[in-house]
C-alpha cells in the first residue's frame, strides 16, 4: 500500500532539494555582490552610472534587441524544420515572454518551459525537442566563440588559465549533442533510461530523444543555427562596449569585449548562483582589469548591461499579460 505513494514521496523530496539548492544559489550570488560592495568604492560606481550618456543606452539596446530577434530566428528554423507552422512574429513574442520568465524565475528552465507551453499544441515532445536543440546549439556557438577568444589569449598573450576549462566545456557540449542527435549513440543509454519509472521519466526522455533525432541529418539548419549562435554572442559583446562608451571611457577598444564577454557568459553558466548573479559581475571586474578598467567601471558596466536586458524582459511580461496563448 505504501508503494503507491513512493513516486509522490520522491517528487516531494526532489522539490525540497530544489528549494534548498535555489536558496543556496541565491546566497552565493548575494554574497558575491556584497563582496564587490565591500571591495569597491560604491559611491564612485553610482556616480559613473548617473553620468552615463543616455544616447549610448539606446545604442546598447540595439544589439540586445538583435540578440532577441536572432535568438527567435534560430528557434524559428527548428520550428519550421518540424513543420509547426508558427509565424515568426509569434515566435519573437514568445521569446520575449520566455526572457521575462528567465529573469523572474530562479532558472532559465522557466523561460524554456514557457516556449514549450506557447508552441506545443498537441506536440509536446516535438516542441520540447526544438527548445532543447535550440539550447544545445546555442551552447555550441557560445563555446566556439569563447574558445576562439581563449586561443587568442594563448597565442598573443601566452595566457592559458581558461584554455582547459573551455576545452572541457566544448567537449561536453559536443558529446551531449552527438548523443542527443545520434540514435546509435543513444541506444547504449536507452535501456538504462527506460528503467526510470518515477513519473514515467524514462518513457518521456525516450520520446523526447525520438523527436530530437529528426535533427540528426539536418545539417543545413544545424549549421545555420550555430552560425546564428556565434552572431548572437557577437551582439552580446558589442552591447557592453557601447555602455562603456556611454561612461566616457574611450581608451578600451572593442577587441577585449570579443575576448572576455564570451568567457564571462560561459563562466556565468556555472550553476552556483541565481542566473549568474555575482559571478557575472565579479568576472567583469576581474577580466576587464586586464585592460586597465577600474573595478568600479567594470561593475557599473555589468549592472547597466543587465538592466537593459531586464527592461526587455519586462516587455515580455507585458506580452504575457495581453497576448493570448493559442
C-alpha atoms as a PDB file:
ATOM      1  CA  UNK A   1       0.000   0.000   0.000  1.00  0.00           C
ATOM      2  CA  UNK A   2       2.856   2.319   0.820  1.00  0.00           C
ATOM      3  CA  UNK A   3       4.465   1.720  -2.574  1.00  0.00           C
ATOM      4  CA  UNK A   4       1.766   3.651  -4.402  1.00  0.00           C
ATOM      5  CA  UNK A   5       2.863   6.806  -2.584  1.00  0.00           C
ATOM      6  CA  UNK A   6       6.575   6.292  -3.344  1.00  0.00           C
ATOM      7  CA  UNK A   7       6.628   8.434  -6.530  1.00  0.00           C
ATOM      8  CA  UNK A   8       4.931  11.318  -4.695  1.00  0.00           C
ATOM      9  CA  UNK A   9       7.357  10.993  -1.799  1.00  0.00           C
ATOM     10  CA  UNK A  10      10.318  11.093  -4.177  1.00  0.00           C
ATOM     11  CA  UNK A  11       8.835  14.080  -6.004  1.00  0.00           C
ATOM     12  CA  UNK A  12       8.344  15.895  -2.675  1.00  0.00           C
ATOM     13  CA  UNK A  13      11.940  15.213  -1.648  1.00  0.00           C
ATOM     14  CA  UNK A  14      13.150  16.445  -5.033  1.00  0.00           C
ATOM     15  CA  UNK A  15      11.095  19.630  -4.640  1.00  0.00           C
ATOM     16  CA  UNK A  16      12.585  20.267  -1.186  1.00  0.00           C
ATOM     17  CA  UNK A  17      16.073  19.630  -2.554  1.00  0.00           C
ATOM     18  CA  UNK A  18      15.480  22.064  -5.429  1.00  0.00           C
ATOM     19  CA  UNK A  19      14.196  24.707  -2.999  1.00  0.00           C
ATOM     20  CA  UNK A  20      17.248  24.317  -0.779  1.00  0.00           C
ATOM     21  CA  UNK A  21      19.502  24.461  -3.827  1.00  0.00           C
ATOM     22  CA  UNK A  22      17.787  27.641  -5.010  1.00  0.00           C
ATOM     23  CA  UNK A  23      18.219  29.265  -1.590  1.00  0.00           C
ATOM     24  CA  UNK A  24      21.899  28.278  -1.589  1.00  0.00           C
ATOM     25  CA  UNK A  25      22.413  29.731  -5.080  1.00  0.00           C
ATOM     26  CA  UNK A  26      20.718  32.983  -4.047  1.00  0.00           C
ATOM     27  CA  UNK A  27      23.006  33.100  -1.022  1.00  0.00           C
ATOM     28  CA  UNK A  28      26.104  32.631  -3.167  1.00  0.00           C
ATOM     29  CA  UNK A  29      25.006  35.338  -5.605  1.00  0.00           C
ATOM     30  CA  UNK A  30      24.145  37.836  -2.879  1.00  0.00           C
ATOM     31  CA  UNK A  31      27.416  37.042  -1.110  1.00  0.00           C
ATOM     32  CA  UNK A  32      29.421  37.745  -4.267  1.00  0.00           C
ATOM     33  CA  UNK A  33      27.604  41.045  -4.803  1.00  0.00           C
ATOM     34  CA  UNK A  34      28.178  42.024  -1.161  1.00  0.00           C
ATOM     35  CA  UNK A  35      31.871  41.265  -1.630  1.00  0.00           C
ATOM     36  CA  UNK A  36      32.014  43.736  -4.523  1.00  0.00           C
ATOM     37  CA  UNK A  37      30.115  46.330  -2.488  1.00  0.00           C
ATOM     38  CA  UNK A  38      32.716  45.896   0.255  1.00  0.00           C
ATOM     39  CA  UNK A  39      35.768  45.815  -2.033  1.00  0.00           C
ATOM     40  CA  UNK A  40      34.852  48.689  -4.366  1.00  0.00           C
ATOM     41  CA  UNK A  41      34.025  52.366  -3.960  1.00  0.00           C
ATOM     42  CA  UNK A  42      30.250  52.142  -4.382  1.00  0.00           C
ATOM     43  CA  UNK A  43      29.840  55.931  -4.391  1.00  0.00           C
ATOM     44  CA  UNK A  44      32.114  56.053  -7.431  1.00  0.00           C
ATOM     45  CA  UNK A  45      30.111  53.273  -9.106  1.00  0.00           C
ATOM     46  CA  UNK A  46      26.854  55.147  -8.526  1.00  0.00           C
ATOM     47  CA  UNK A  47      28.337  58.357  -9.932  1.00  0.00           C
ATOM     48  CA  UNK A  48      29.542  56.508 -13.021  1.00  0.00           C
ATOM     49  CA  UNK A  49      26.060  55.119 -13.620  1.00  0.00           C
ATOM     50  CA  UNK A  50      24.479  58.546 -13.081  1.00  0.00           C
ATOM     51  CA  UNK A  51      26.852  60.119 -15.578  1.00  0.00           C
ATOM     52  CA  UNK A  52      26.134  57.748 -18.473  1.00  0.00           C
ATOM     53  CA  UNK A  53      25.231  59.448 -21.737  1.00  0.00           C
ATOM     54  CA  UNK A  54      21.632  58.325 -22.319  1.00  0.00           C
ATOM     55  CA  UNK A  55      22.209  58.123 -26.065  1.00  0.00           C
ATOM     56  CA  UNK A  56      24.577  55.213 -25.566  1.00  0.00           C
ATOM     57  CA  UNK A  57      21.958  53.341 -23.562  1.00  0.00           C
ATOM     58  CA  UNK A  58      19.800  53.478 -26.687  1.00  0.00           C
ATOM     59  CA  UNK A  59      22.753  52.391 -28.815  1.00  0.00           C
ATOM     60  CA  UNK A  60      23.447  49.478 -26.453  1.00  0.00           C
ATOM     61  CA  UNK A  61      19.797  48.462 -26.535  1.00  0.00           C
ATOM     62  CA  UNK A  62      20.020  47.863 -30.310  1.00  0.00           C
ATOM     63  CA  UNK A  63      22.408  44.862 -30.163  1.00  0.00           C
ATOM     64  CA  UNK A  64      20.427  43.456 -27.234  1.00  0.00           C
ATOM     65  CA  UNK A  65      17.275  43.715 -29.351  1.00  0.00           C
ATOM     66  CA  UNK A  66      19.145  41.996 -32.185  1.00  0.00           C
ATOM     67  CA  UNK A  67      20.126  39.281 -29.708  1.00  0.00           C
ATOM     68  CA  UNK A  68      16.431  38.593 -29.037  1.00  0.00           C
ATOM     69  CA  UNK A  69      15.437  38.668 -32.717  1.00  0.00           C
ATOM     70  CA  UNK A  70      18.347  36.451 -33.805  1.00  0.00           C
ATOM     71  CA  UNK A  71      17.623  34.024 -30.967  1.00  0.00           C
ATOM     72  CA  UNK A  72      13.987  33.836 -32.062  1.00  0.00           C
ATOM     73  CA  UNK A  73      15.136  33.281 -35.661  1.00  0.00           C
ATOM     74  CA  UNK A  74      17.362  30.397 -34.567  1.00  0.00           C
ATOM     75  CA  UNK A  75      14.439  28.780 -32.788  1.00  0.00           C
ATOM     76  CA  UNK A  76      12.169  29.529 -35.784  1.00  0.00           C
ATOM     77  CA  UNK A  77      14.483  27.483 -38.022  1.00  0.00           C
ATOM     78  CA  UNK A  78      13.985  24.461 -35.763  1.00  0.00           C
ATOM     79  CA  UNK A  79      10.224  25.015 -35.533  1.00  0.00           C
ATOM     80  CA  UNK A  80       9.992  25.251 -39.325  1.00  0.00           C
ATOM     81  CA  UNK A  81      12.003  22.051 -39.700  1.00  0.00           C
ATOM     82  CA  UNK A  82       9.397  20.333 -37.509  1.00  0.00           C
ATOM     83  CA  UNK A  83       6.645  21.987 -39.574  1.00  0.00           C
ATOM     84  CA  UNK A  84       4.911  23.742 -36.677  1.00  0.00           C
ATOM     85  CA  UNK A  85       3.550  26.439 -38.993  1.00  0.00           C
ATOM     86  CA  UNK A  86       4.124  29.211 -36.436  1.00  0.00           C
ATOM     87  CA  UNK A  87       4.678  32.718 -37.887  1.00  0.00           C
ATOM     88  CA  UNK A  88       7.903  34.488 -36.992  1.00  0.00           C
ATOM     89  CA  UNK A  89       6.094  37.341 -35.220  1.00  0.00           C
ATOM     90  CA  UNK A  90       4.559  34.896 -32.768  1.00  0.00           C
ATOM     91  CA  UNK A  91       7.949  33.266 -32.224  1.00  0.00           C
ATOM     92  CA  UNK A  92       9.504  36.649 -31.365  1.00  0.00           C
ATOM     93  CA  UNK A  93       6.697  37.452 -28.910  1.00  0.00           C
ATOM     94  CA  UNK A  94       7.065  34.022 -27.287  1.00  0.00           C
ATOM     95  CA  UNK A  95      10.809  34.579 -26.961  1.00  0.00           C
ATOM     96  CA  UNK A  96      10.162  37.897 -25.206  1.00  0.00           C
ATOM     97  CA  UNK A  97       7.846  36.067 -22.802  1.00  0.00           C
ATOM     98  CA  UNK A  98      10.485  33.412 -22.137  1.00  0.00           C
ATOM     99  CA  UNK A  99      13.020  36.162 -21.411  1.00  0.00           C
ATOM    100  CA  UNK A 100      10.628  37.599 -18.842  1.00  0.00           C
ATOM    101  CA  UNK A 101      10.358  34.246 -17.065  1.00  0.00           C
ATOM    102  CA  UNK A 102      14.115  33.718 -17.267  1.00  0.00           C
ATOM    103  CA  UNK A 103      14.569  36.851 -15.156  1.00  0.00           C
ATOM    104  CA  UNK A 104      11.546  36.173 -12.948  1.00  0.00           C
ATOM    105  CA  UNK A 105      12.243  32.546 -12.003  1.00  0.00           C
ATOM    106  CA  UNK A 106      15.361  31.047 -10.381  1.00  0.00           C
ATOM    107  CA  UNK A 107      16.469  29.211 -13.537  1.00  0.00           C
ATOM    108  CA  UNK A 108      16.296  29.604 -17.303  1.00  0.00           C
ATOM    109  CA  UNK A 109      14.196  26.422 -17.353  1.00  0.00           C
ATOM    110  CA  UNK A 110      11.167  28.615 -16.568  1.00  0.00           C
ATOM    111  CA  UNK A 111      11.608  30.557 -19.783  1.00  0.00           C
ATOM    112  CA  UNK A 112      12.188  27.393 -21.798  1.00  0.00           C
ATOM    113  CA  UNK A 113       9.014  25.822 -20.441  1.00  0.00           C
ATOM    114  CA  UNK A 114       7.040  28.904 -21.481  1.00  0.00           C
ATOM    115  CA  UNK A 115       8.344  28.412 -25.000  1.00  0.00           C
ATOM    116  CA  UNK A 116       7.049  24.844 -24.891  1.00  0.00           C
ATOM    117  CA  UNK A 117       3.689  25.935 -23.488  1.00  0.00           C
ATOM    118  CA  UNK A 118       3.158  28.540 -26.206  1.00  0.00           C
ATOM    119  CA  UNK A 119       4.088  26.245 -29.113  1.00  0.00           C
ATOM    120  CA  UNK A 120       3.280  22.664 -28.198  1.00  0.00           C
ATOM    121  CA  UNK A 121      -0.379  22.417 -29.323  1.00  0.00           C
ATOM    122  CA  UNK A 122      -0.680  18.601 -29.359  1.00  0.00           C
ATOM    123  CA  UNK A 123       3.030  18.065 -29.958  1.00  0.00           C
ATOM    124  CA  UNK A 124       4.657  18.458 -26.563  1.00  0.00           C
ATOM    125  CA  UNK A 125       7.645  16.190 -27.305  1.00  0.00           C
ATOM    126  CA  UNK A 126       8.384  17.950 -30.613  1.00  0.00           C
ATOM    127  CA  UNK A 127       8.084  21.382 -29.002  1.00  0.00           C
ATOM    128  CA  UNK A 128      10.360  20.395 -26.134  1.00  0.00           C
ATOM    129  CA  UNK A 129      12.843  18.947 -28.634  1.00  0.00           C
ATOM    130  CA  UNK A 130      13.067  22.234 -30.561  1.00  0.00           C
ATOM    131  CA  UNK A 131      13.715  24.163 -27.338  1.00  0.00           C
ATOM    132  CA  UNK A 132      16.328  21.667 -26.154  1.00  0.00           C
ATOM    133  CA  UNK A 133      18.104  21.587 -29.524  1.00  0.00           C
ATOM    134  CA  UNK A 134      17.979  25.397 -29.596  1.00  0.00           C
ATOM    135  CA  UNK A 135      19.677  25.458 -26.190  1.00  0.00           C
ATOM    136  CA  UNK A 136      22.312  22.914 -27.212  1.00  0.00           C
ATOM    137  CA  UNK A 137      23.210  24.724 -30.444  1.00  0.00           C
ATOM    138  CA  UNK A 138      23.316  27.999 -28.519  1.00  0.00           C
ATOM    139  CA  UNK A 139      25.875  26.468 -26.158  1.00  0.00           C
ATOM    140  CA  UNK A 140      27.905  25.174 -29.115  1.00  0.00           C
ATOM    141  CA  UNK A 141      28.085  28.670 -30.631  1.00  0.00           C
ATOM    142  CA  UNK A 142      28.965  30.211 -27.263  1.00  0.00           C
ATOM    143  CA  UNK A 143      31.778  27.761 -26.581  1.00  0.00           C
ATOM    144  CA  UNK A 144      33.136  28.142 -30.125  1.00  0.00           C
ATOM    145  CA  UNK A 145      33.444  31.922 -29.730  1.00  0.00           C
ATOM    146  CA  UNK A 146      34.798  31.566 -26.191  1.00  0.00           C
ATOM    147  CA  UNK A 147      37.364  29.012 -27.361  1.00  0.00           C
ATOM    148  CA  UNK A 148      38.483  31.371 -30.151  1.00  0.00           C
ATOM    149  CA  UNK A 149      38.888  34.088 -27.527  1.00  0.00           C
ATOM    150  CA  UNK A 150      40.951  31.786 -25.314  1.00  0.00           C
ATOM    151  CA  UNK A 151      43.121  30.718 -28.256  1.00  0.00           C
ATOM    152  CA  UNK A 152      43.768  34.407 -28.978  1.00  0.00           C
ATOM    153  CA  UNK A 153      44.878  34.904 -25.372  1.00  0.00           C
ATOM    154  CA  UNK A 154      47.132  31.859 -25.702  1.00  0.00           C
ATOM    155  CA  UNK A 155      48.766  32.943 -28.952  1.00  0.00           C
ATOM    156  CA  UNK A 156      49.046  36.684 -28.360  1.00  0.00           C
ATOM    157  CA  UNK A 157      49.486  36.907 -24.582  1.00  0.00           C
ATOM    158  CA  UNK A 158      50.576  33.385 -23.593  1.00  0.00           C
ATOM    159  CA  UNK A 159      47.676  33.172 -21.111  1.00  0.00           C
ATOM    160  CA  UNK A 160      46.472  29.599 -20.582  1.00  0.00           C
ATOM    161  CA  UNK A 161      44.309  29.637 -17.448  1.00  0.00           C
ATOM    162  CA  UNK A 162      40.985  29.478 -19.338  1.00  0.00           C
ATOM    163  CA  UNK A 163      42.043  27.001 -22.023  1.00  0.00           C
ATOM    164  CA  UNK A 164      41.447  23.699 -20.138  1.00  0.00           C
ATOM    165  CA  UNK A 165      38.050  24.900 -18.912  1.00  0.00           C
ATOM    166  CA  UNK A 166      36.924  25.867 -22.416  1.00  0.00           C
ATOM    167  CA  UNK A 167      38.171  22.655 -23.995  1.00  0.00           C
ATOM    168  CA  UNK A 168      36.369  20.544 -21.386  1.00  0.00           C
ATOM    169  CA  UNK A 169      33.196  22.613 -21.745  1.00  0.00           C
ATOM    170  CA  UNK A 170      33.138  22.433 -25.543  1.00  0.00           C
ATOM    171  CA  UNK A 171      33.897  18.698 -25.435  1.00  0.00           C
ATOM    172  CA  UNK A 172      30.988  18.065 -23.041  1.00  0.00           C
ATOM    173  CA  UNK A 173      28.601  20.086 -25.223  1.00  0.00           C
ATOM    174  CA  UNK A 174      29.717  18.249 -28.382  1.00  0.00           C
ATOM    175  CA  UNK A 175      29.326  14.842 -26.714  1.00  0.00           C
ATOM    176  CA  UNK A 176      25.842  15.698 -25.440  1.00  0.00           C
ATOM    177  CA  UNK A 177      24.921  16.985 -28.894  1.00  0.00           C
ATOM    178  CA  UNK A 178      26.156  13.789 -30.541  1.00  0.00           C
ATOM    179  CA  UNK A 179      24.288  11.540 -28.105  1.00  0.00           C
ATOM    180  CA  UNK A 180      21.090  13.549 -28.496  1.00  0.00           C
ATOM    181  CA  UNK A 181      21.173  13.541 -32.297  1.00  0.00           C
ATOM    182  CA  UNK A 182      22.508  10.023 -32.831  1.00  0.00           C
ATOM    183  CA  UNK A 183      20.162   7.051 -32.483  1.00  0.00           C
ATOM    184  CA  UNK A 184      23.132   4.688 -32.439  1.00  0.00           C
ATOM    185  CA  UNK A 185      24.870   6.513 -29.572  1.00  0.00           C
ATOM    186  CA  UNK A 186      21.661   6.883 -27.573  1.00  0.00           C
ATOM    187  CA  UNK A 187      20.888   3.165 -27.959  1.00  0.00           C
ATOM    188  CA  UNK A 188      23.636   2.461 -25.415  1.00  0.00           C
ATOM    189  CA  UNK A 189      21.860   4.519 -22.740  1.00  0.00           C
ATOM    190  CA  UNK A 190      18.259   3.769 -23.701  1.00  0.00           C
ATOM    191  CA  UNK A 191      17.858   0.504 -21.720  1.00  0.00           C
ATOM    192  CA  UNK A 192      19.059   2.188 -18.520  1.00  0.00           C
ATOM    193  CA  UNK A 193      16.854   5.241 -19.063  1.00  0.00           C
ATOM    194  CA  UNK A 194      13.828   3.031 -19.774  1.00  0.00           C
ATOM    195  CA  UNK A 195      14.129   1.605 -16.245  1.00  0.00           C
ATOM    196  CA  UNK A 196      13.353   5.017 -14.706  1.00  0.00           C
ATOM    197  CA  UNK A 197       9.715   4.580 -13.779  1.00  0.00           C
ATOM    198  CA  UNK A 198       9.274   7.580 -11.478  1.00  0.00           C
ATOM    199  CA  UNK A 199       6.723   9.941 -13.082  1.00  0.00           C
ATOM    200  CA  UNK A 200       7.295   7.962 -16.302  1.00  0.00           C
ATOM    201  CA  UNK A 201      10.519   9.913 -16.674  1.00  0.00           C
ATOM    202  CA  UNK A 202      12.336   7.226 -18.654  1.00  0.00           C
ATOM    203  CA  UNK A 203       9.498   6.923 -21.151  1.00  0.00           C
ATOM    204  CA  UNK A 204       9.330  10.688 -21.575  1.00  0.00           C
ATOM    205  CA  UNK A 205      13.084  11.013 -22.126  1.00  0.00           C
ATOM    206  CA  UNK A 206      12.990   8.289 -24.772  1.00  0.00           C
ATOM    207  CA  UNK A 207      10.094  10.025 -26.522  1.00  0.00           C
ATOM    208  CA  UNK A 208      11.977  13.308 -26.422  1.00  0.00           C
ATOM    209  CA  UNK A 209      15.035  11.666 -27.933  1.00  0.00           C
ATOM    210  CA  UNK A 210      12.991  10.128 -30.727  1.00  0.00           C
ATOM    211  CA  UNK A 211      11.723  13.588 -31.577  1.00  0.00           C
ATOM    212  CA  UNK A 212      15.215  15.063 -31.383  1.00  0.00           C
ATOM    213  CA  UNK A 213      16.873  12.532 -33.664  1.00  0.00           C
ATOM    214  CA  UNK A 214      14.991  14.077 -36.593  1.00  0.00           C
ATOM    215  CA  UNK A 215      17.561  16.867 -36.445  1.00  0.00           C
ATOM    216  CA  UNK A 216      20.431  14.380 -36.798  1.00  0.00           C
ATOM    217  CA  UNK A 217      20.601  14.692 -40.582  1.00  0.00           C
ATOM    218  CA  UNK A 218      19.502  18.316 -40.796  1.00  0.00           C
ATOM    219  CA  UNK A 219      22.987  19.699 -41.336  1.00  0.00           C
ATOM    220  CA  UNK A 220      21.771  22.815 -43.137  1.00  0.00           C
ATOM    221  CA  UNK A 221      19.537  24.047 -40.301  1.00  0.00           C
ATOM    222  CA  UNK A 222      22.057  22.941 -37.660  1.00  0.00           C
ATOM    223  CA  UNK A 223      24.976  24.810 -39.260  1.00  0.00           C
ATOM    224  CA  UNK A 224      22.814  27.908 -39.769  1.00  0.00           C
ATOM    225  CA  UNK A 225      21.753  27.766 -36.111  1.00  0.00           C
ATOM    226  CA  UNK A 226      25.375  27.503 -34.960  1.00  0.00           C
ATOM    227  CA  UNK A 227      26.362  30.475 -37.135  1.00  0.00           C
ATOM    228  CA  UNK A 228      23.457  32.431 -35.656  1.00  0.00           C
ATOM    229  CA  UNK A 229      24.638  31.422 -32.173  1.00  0.00           C
ATOM    230  CA  UNK A 230      28.075  32.912 -32.882  1.00  0.00           C
ATOM    231  CA  UNK A 231      26.418  36.065 -34.249  1.00  0.00           C
ATOM    232  CA  UNK A 232      24.217  36.250 -31.136  1.00  0.00           C
ATOM    233  CA  UNK A 233      27.293  36.136 -28.913  1.00  0.00           C
ATOM    234  CA  UNK A 234      28.784  38.903 -31.048  1.00  0.00           C
ATOM    235  CA  UNK A 235      25.832  41.188 -30.290  1.00  0.00           C
ATOM    236  CA  UNK A 236      26.206  40.374 -26.593  1.00  0.00           C
ATOM    237  CA  UNK A 237      29.835  41.525 -26.791  1.00  0.00           C
ATOM    238  CA  UNK A 238      29.078  44.786 -28.612  1.00  0.00           C
ATOM    239  CA  UNK A 239      26.345  45.953 -26.205  1.00  0.00           C
ATOM    240  CA  UNK A 240      28.501  46.364 -23.052  1.00  0.00           C
ATOM    241  CA  UNK A 241      31.165  48.062 -25.168  1.00  0.00           C
ATOM    242  CA  UNK A 242      28.591  50.717 -26.093  1.00  0.00           C
ATOM    243  CA  UNK A 243      27.657  51.009 -22.407  1.00  0.00           C
ATOM    244  CA  UNK A 244      31.323  51.668 -21.623  1.00  0.00           C
ATOM    245  CA  UNK A 245      31.450  54.383 -24.303  1.00  0.00           C
ATOM    246  CA  UNK A 246      28.431  55.968 -22.644  1.00  0.00           C
ATOM    247  CA  UNK A 247      30.501  56.225 -19.478  1.00  0.00           C
ATOM    248  CA  UNK A 248      33.035  58.311 -21.383  1.00  0.00           C
ATOM    249  CA  UNK A 249      35.714  55.633 -21.454  1.00  0.00           C
ATOM    250  CA  UNK A 250      37.144  55.599 -24.980  1.00  0.00           C
ATOM    251  CA  UNK A 251      40.539  54.094 -24.110  1.00  0.00           C
ATOM    252  CA  UNK A 252      39.455  50.442 -24.235  1.00  0.00           C
ATOM    253  CA  UNK A 253      38.689  49.181 -27.736  1.00  0.00           C
ATOM    254  CA  UNK A 254      36.137  46.638 -28.918  1.00  0.00           C
ATOM    255  CA  UNK A 255      38.536  43.682 -29.147  1.00  0.00           C
ATOM    256  CA  UNK A 256      38.664  42.894 -25.378  1.00  0.00           C
ATOM    257  CA  UNK A 257      34.878  42.555 -25.387  1.00  0.00           C
ATOM    258  CA  UNK A 258      35.034  39.846 -28.058  1.00  0.00           C
ATOM    259  CA  UNK A 259      37.630  38.114 -25.894  1.00  0.00           C
ATOM    260  CA  UNK A 260      36.202  38.480 -22.400  1.00  0.00           C
ATOM    261  CA  UNK A 261      32.407  38.661 -22.762  1.00  0.00           C
ATOM    262  CA  UNK A 262      32.081  35.132 -24.253  1.00  0.00           C
ATOM    263  CA  UNK A 263      34.282  33.853 -21.423  1.00  0.00           C
ATOM    264  CA  UNK A 264      32.098  35.694 -18.892  1.00  0.00           C
ATOM    265  CA  UNK A 265      28.965  34.186 -20.470  1.00  0.00           C
ATOM    266  CA  UNK A 266      30.436  30.692 -20.139  1.00  0.00           C
ATOM    267  CA  UNK A 267      31.533  31.277 -16.531  1.00  0.00           C
ATOM    268  CA  UNK A 268      28.072  32.648 -15.695  1.00  0.00           C
ATOM    269  CA  UNK A 269      26.597  29.311 -16.760  1.00  0.00           C
ATOM    270  CA  UNK A 270      28.219  27.598 -13.768  1.00  0.00           C
ATOM    271  CA  UNK A 271      25.139  26.750 -11.635  1.00  0.00           C
ATOM    272  CA  UNK A 272      26.375  28.032  -8.289  1.00  0.00           C
ATOM    273  CA  UNK A 273      24.355  31.254  -8.147  1.00  0.00           C
ATOM    274  CA  UNK A 274      20.968  32.570  -9.255  1.00  0.00           C
ATOM    275  CA  UNK A 275      21.125  33.170 -13.034  1.00  0.00           C
ATOM    276  CA  UNK A 276      24.819  34.046 -12.784  1.00  0.00           C
ATOM    277  CA  UNK A 277      24.207  36.753 -10.153  1.00  0.00           C
ATOM    278  CA  UNK A 278      27.513  37.837  -8.622  1.00  0.00           C
ATOM    279  CA  UNK A 279      29.571  35.552 -10.838  1.00  0.00           C
ATOM    280  CA  UNK A 280      28.877  37.756 -13.852  1.00  0.00           C
ATOM    281  CA  UNK A 281      29.731  40.985 -12.014  1.00  0.00           C
ATOM    282  CA  UNK A 282      32.913  39.621 -10.426  1.00  0.00           C
ATOM    283  CA  UNK A 283      34.009  38.217 -13.794  1.00  0.00           C
ATOM    284  CA  UNK A 284      33.595  41.655 -15.392  1.00  0.00           C
ATOM    285  CA  UNK A 285      35.693  43.231 -12.650  1.00  0.00           C
ATOM    286  CA  UNK A 286      38.460  40.608 -12.785  1.00  0.00           C
ATOM    287  CA  UNK A 287      38.751  40.197 -16.553  1.00  0.00           C
ATOM    288  CA  UNK A 288      38.454  43.821 -17.613  1.00  0.00           C
ATOM    289  CA  UNK A 289      41.060  44.833 -15.032  1.00  0.00           C
ATOM    290  CA  UNK A 290      43.476  43.230 -17.512  1.00  0.00           C
ATOM    291  CA  UNK A 291      42.850  46.071 -19.947  1.00  0.00           C
ATOM    292  CA  UNK A 292      43.104  48.775 -17.301  1.00  0.00           C
ATOM    293  CA  UNK A 293      39.467  49.295 -16.298  1.00  0.00           C
ATOM    294  CA  UNK A 294      38.811  50.191 -12.680  1.00  0.00           C
ATOM    295  CA  UNK A 295      36.657  47.743 -10.774  1.00  0.00           C
ATOM    296  CA  UNK A 296      34.007  50.405 -10.248  1.00  0.00           C
ATOM    297  CA  UNK A 297      33.750  50.999 -14.004  1.00  0.00           C
ATOM    298  CA  UNK A 298      33.505  47.291 -14.800  1.00  0.00           C
ATOM    299  CA  UNK A 299      30.920  46.761 -12.057  1.00  0.00           C
ATOM    300  CA  UNK A 300      28.829  49.661 -13.352  1.00  0.00           C
ATOM    301  CA  UNK A 301      29.118  48.369 -16.927  1.00  0.00           C
ATOM    302  CA  UNK A 302      27.885  44.938 -15.849  1.00  0.00           C
ATOM    303  CA  UNK A 303      24.943  46.337 -13.871  1.00  0.00           C
ATOM    304  CA  UNK A 304      23.804  48.681 -16.646  1.00  0.00           C
ATOM    305  CA  UNK A 305      24.111  45.948 -19.289  1.00  0.00           C
ATOM    306  CA  UNK A 306      21.980  43.615 -17.198  1.00  0.00           C
ATOM    307  CA  UNK A 307      19.473  46.413 -16.586  1.00  0.00           C
ATOM    308  CA  UNK A 308      18.934  46.876 -20.332  1.00  0.00           C
ATOM    309  CA  UNK A 309      18.244  43.150 -20.749  1.00  0.00           C
ATOM    310  CA  UNK A 310      15.895  43.307 -17.763  1.00  0.00           C
ATOM    311  CA  UNK A 311      13.922  46.129 -19.407  1.00  0.00           C
ATOM    312  CA  UNK A 312      13.463  43.969 -22.500  1.00  0.00           C
ATOM    313  CA  UNK A 313      12.284  41.143 -20.258  1.00  0.00           C
ATOM    314  CA  UNK A 314       9.611  43.469 -18.852  1.00  0.00           C
ATOM    315  CA  UNK A 315       8.305  43.867 -22.397  1.00  0.00           C
ATOM    316  CA  UNK A 316       7.932  40.095 -22.339  1.00  0.00           C
ATOM    317  CA  UNK A 317       5.868  40.464 -19.177  1.00  0.00           C
ATOM    318  CA  UNK A 318       3.512  42.820 -20.996  1.00  0.00           C
ATOM    319  CA  UNK A 319       3.174  40.314 -23.828  1.00  0.00           C
ATOM    320  CA  UNK A 320       2.453  37.598 -21.271  1.00  0.00           C
ATOM    321  CA  UNK A 321      -0.431  39.600 -19.819  1.00  0.00           C
ATOM    322  CA  UNK A 322      -2.074  40.636 -23.077  1.00  0.00           C
ATOM    323  CA  UNK A 323      -1.023  38.048 -25.665  1.00  0.00           C
ATOM    324  CA  UNK A 324      -3.278  35.014 -25.666  1.00  0.00           C
ATOM    325  CA  UNK A 325      -1.841  31.525 -25.959  1.00  0.00           C
ATOM    326  CA  UNK A 326      -3.394  29.670 -28.895  1.00  0.00           C
END
